Amino acid sequence: MKAVIQRVKKASVTINEKQESSIQNGLLILLGIESTDSKLDADWIANKILQMRIFEDDAEKMNLSIQDIQGELLVVSQFTLYASTKKGNRPSFIQAAKSEIAIPLYTYFLECCNTSTPTKAGVFGADMQVELLNDGPVTIILDSKNKV
């Protein structure tokens, strides 16, 4: 499982010119799910995100977590995080999980996050327009296969 995490002042997802979800002050998470991922991968990524200290404290040091600032999460499914560009000019997405694997793991990930932090989401598989005001900018990439 891969996650691109962006610290934001605000973020929103629009589908067919209708705003689906929006947050203020928190994290936009682009989440890619691989065919070999399991709930253990979702648990690890969720826990890492919820505990990661990437918000500034009073001394302007990145020392606070999303929970410390009582921020929000906006999670967007992003199968293109598993693009393989080794051959040719057209990416292959063969490593990305099919919907029968990805949807339950995506839903499980949302539930894991929502237990302690308000979590909103895009619509799995939809054509979405994502708008954000990056804060910092702070962008971090997590991969559950690189946790050791």
Protein backbone atom coordinates (compact mmCIF):
# COMPACT_ATOMS: atom_id res chain seq x y z
CA MET A 1 0.00 0.00 0.00
CA LYS A 2 1.28 3.44 -0.89
CA ALA A 3 0.19 6.82 0.43
CA VAL A 4 1.15 10.30 -0.68
CA ILE A 5 0.42 12.57 2.26
CA GLN A 6 0.09 16.31 1.81
CA ARG A 7 -0.33 18.75 4.70
CA VAL A 8 -3.09 21.14 3.64
CA LYS A 9 -4.88 24.27 4.78
CA LYS A 10 -7.88 22.98 2.83
CA ALA A 11 -8.72 20.31 0.27
CA SER A 12 -11.79 19.16 -1.62
CA VAL A 13 -13.00 16.53 -4.07
CA THR A 14 -15.46 17.42 -6.83
CA ILE A 15 -17.29 14.91 -9.03
CA ASN A 16 -19.42 16.03 -11.98
CA GLU A 17 -19.13 19.66 -10.86
CA LYS A 18 -20.55 18.81 -7.40
CA GLN A 19 -18.36 19.00 -4.31
CA GLU A 20 -18.30 15.54 -2.74
CA SER A 21 -16.03 16.13 0.28
CA SER A 22 -13.93 18.88 1.78
CA ILE A 23 -11.68 19.47 4.78
CA GLN A 24 -9.94 22.34 6.49
CA ASN A 25 -6.50 22.10 8.12
CA GLY A 26 -5.37 18.52 7.86
CA LEU A 27 -4.00 15.93 5.47
CA LEU A 28 -4.90 14.99 1.92
CA ILE A 29 -4.01 11.33 1.42
CA LEU A 30 -3.72 9.77 -2.02
CA LEU A 31 -3.97 6.02 -1.35
CA GLY A 32 -2.83 3.30 -3.74
CA ILE A 33 -3.61 -0.35 -3.07
CA GLU A 34 -1.55 -3.19 -4.53
CA SER A 35 -2.93 -6.64 -5.32
CA THR A 36 -0.83 -8.23 -2.52
CA ASP A 37 -1.94 -5.77 0.19
CA SER A 38 -3.83 -6.84 3.31
CA LYS A 39 -5.39 -5.31 6.39
CA LEU A 40 -1.92 -5.35 7.98
CA ASP A 41 -0.74 -2.89 5.32
CA ALA A 42 -3.76 -0.67 5.93
CA ASP A 43 -3.19 -0.79 9.69
CA TRP A 44 0.47 0.17 9.33
CA ILE A 45 -0.18 3.07 6.94
CA ALA A 46 -3.11 4.38 9.03
CA ASN A 47 -1.18 4.22 12.30
CA LYS A 48 1.85 5.88 10.74
CA ILE A 49 -0.25 8.72 9.34
CA LEU A 50 -2.19 9.28 12.57
CA GLN A 51 0.98 9.44 14.66
CA MET A 52 3.29 11.26 12.23
CA ARG A 53 4.45 14.56 13.67
CA ILE A 54 4.34 16.89 10.68
CA PHE A 55 2.45 19.89 12.04
CA GLU A 56 4.23 22.81 13.65
CA ASP A 57 4.17 23.48 17.38
CA ASP A 58 4.51 26.92 19.01
CA ALA A 59 8.27 26.83 18.37
CA GLU A 60 7.59 26.27 14.63
CA LYS A 61 9.02 22.72 14.79
CA MET A 62 7.22 19.83 13.10
CA ASN A 63 6.30 18.18 16.36
CA LEU A 64 2.51 17.68 16.31
CA SER A 65 0.35 14.93 14.81
CA ILE A 66 -2.98 15.24 13.03
CA GLN A 67 -4.61 14.17 16.31
CA ASP A 68 -2.72 16.84 18.28
CA ILE A 69 -4.08 19.61 16.07
CA GLN A 70 -7.55 18.02 15.82
CA GLY A 71 -7.27 18.12 12.04
CA GLU A 72 -9.16 16.23 9.37
CA LEU A 73 -8.23 13.68 6.72
CA LEU A 74 -9.38 13.54 3.11
CA VAL A 75 -8.58 10.17 1.51
CA VAL A 76 -8.66 9.72 -2.26
CA SER A 77 -8.15 6.36 -3.97
CA GLN A 78 -5.27 6.56 -6.44
CA PHE A 79 -4.47 3.37 -8.38
CA THR A 80 -1.98 5.32 -10.52
CA LEU A 81 0.49 5.25 -7.60
CA TYR A 82 1.26 1.74 -8.86
CA ALA A 83 2.19 2.86 -12.38
CA SER A 84 5.09 0.97 -13.91
CA THR A 85 6.99 3.07 -16.42
CA LYS A 86 9.87 0.68 -17.16
CA LYS A 87 8.84 -0.08 -20.73
CA GLY A 88 7.57 2.33 -23.34
CA ASN A 89 5.73 5.57 -22.74
CA ARG A 90 2.37 4.24 -21.59
CA PRO A 91 2.25 3.33 -17.88
CA SER A 92 1.12 -0.13 -16.84
CA PHE A 93 -1.06 -0.49 -13.76
CA ILE A 94 -0.86 -4.28 -13.46
CA GLN A 95 0.33 -4.09 -9.82
CA ALA A 96 -2.72 -2.07 -8.71
CA ALA A 97 -5.35 -4.13 -6.94
CA LYS A 98 -8.58 -4.94 -8.74
CA SER A 99 -11.72 -3.45 -7.22
CA GLU A 100 -12.74 -6.68 -5.43
CA ILE A 101 -9.55 -6.40 -3.34
CA ALA A 102 -9.10 -2.63 -3.31
CA ILE A 103 -12.59 -1.49 -2.26
CA PRO A 104 -12.72 -3.52 0.98
CA LEU A 105 -9.18 -2.42 1.90
CA TYR A 106 -9.96 1.21 1.06
CA THR A 107 -13.08 1.04 3.24
CA TYR A 108 -11.12 -0.64 6.03
CA PHE A 109 -8.42 2.06 5.83
CA LEU A 110 -11.08 4.77 6.13
CA GLU A 111 -12.54 3.03 9.21
CA CYS A 112 -9.08 2.75 10.81
CA CYS A 113 -8.47 6.47 10.38
CA ASN A 114 -11.97 7.55 11.38
CA THR A 115 -11.71 5.88 14.80
CA SER A 116 -9.57 8.78 16.03
CA THR A 117 -9.63 11.51 13.37
CA PRO A 118 -12.50 12.90 11.29
CA THR A 119 -12.03 11.26 7.90
CA LYS A 120 -13.71 12.12 4.61
CA ALA A 121 -13.24 10.46 1.25
CA GLY A 122 -13.59 10.70 -2.45
CA VAL A 123 -15.58 8.09 -4.38
CA PHE A 124 -13.63 4.95 -5.23
CA GLY A 125 -13.06 4.66 -8.98
CA ALA A 126 -14.74 7.97 -9.84
CA ASP A 127 -13.28 10.66 -12.07
CA MET A 128 -12.50 13.26 -9.41
CA GLN A 129 -11.12 16.75 -9.39
CA VAL A 130 -8.98 17.27 -6.30
CA GLU A 131 -8.24 20.79 -5.16
CA LEU A 132 -5.85 21.63 -2.35
CA LEU A 133 -3.96 24.41 -0.71
CA ASN A 134 -0.71 22.71 0.29
CA ASP A 135 0.71 23.91 3.62
CA GLY A 136 4.48 24.19 3.65
CA PRO A 137 4.56 22.47 1.24
CA VAL A 138 4.87 19.24 3.18
CA THR A 139 4.52 16.06 1.11
CA ILE A 140 5.51 12.62 2.40
CA ILE A 141 5.36 9.23 0.68
CA LEU A 142 4.73 6.02 2.63
CA ASP A 143 4.99 2.48 1.29
CA SER A 144 3.94 -0.40 3.54
CA LYS A 145 6.43 -2.66 1.73
CA ASN A 146 9.28 -0.46 3.04
CA LYS A 147 8.34 -0.49 6.72
CA VAL A 148 11.39 -2.36 7.95
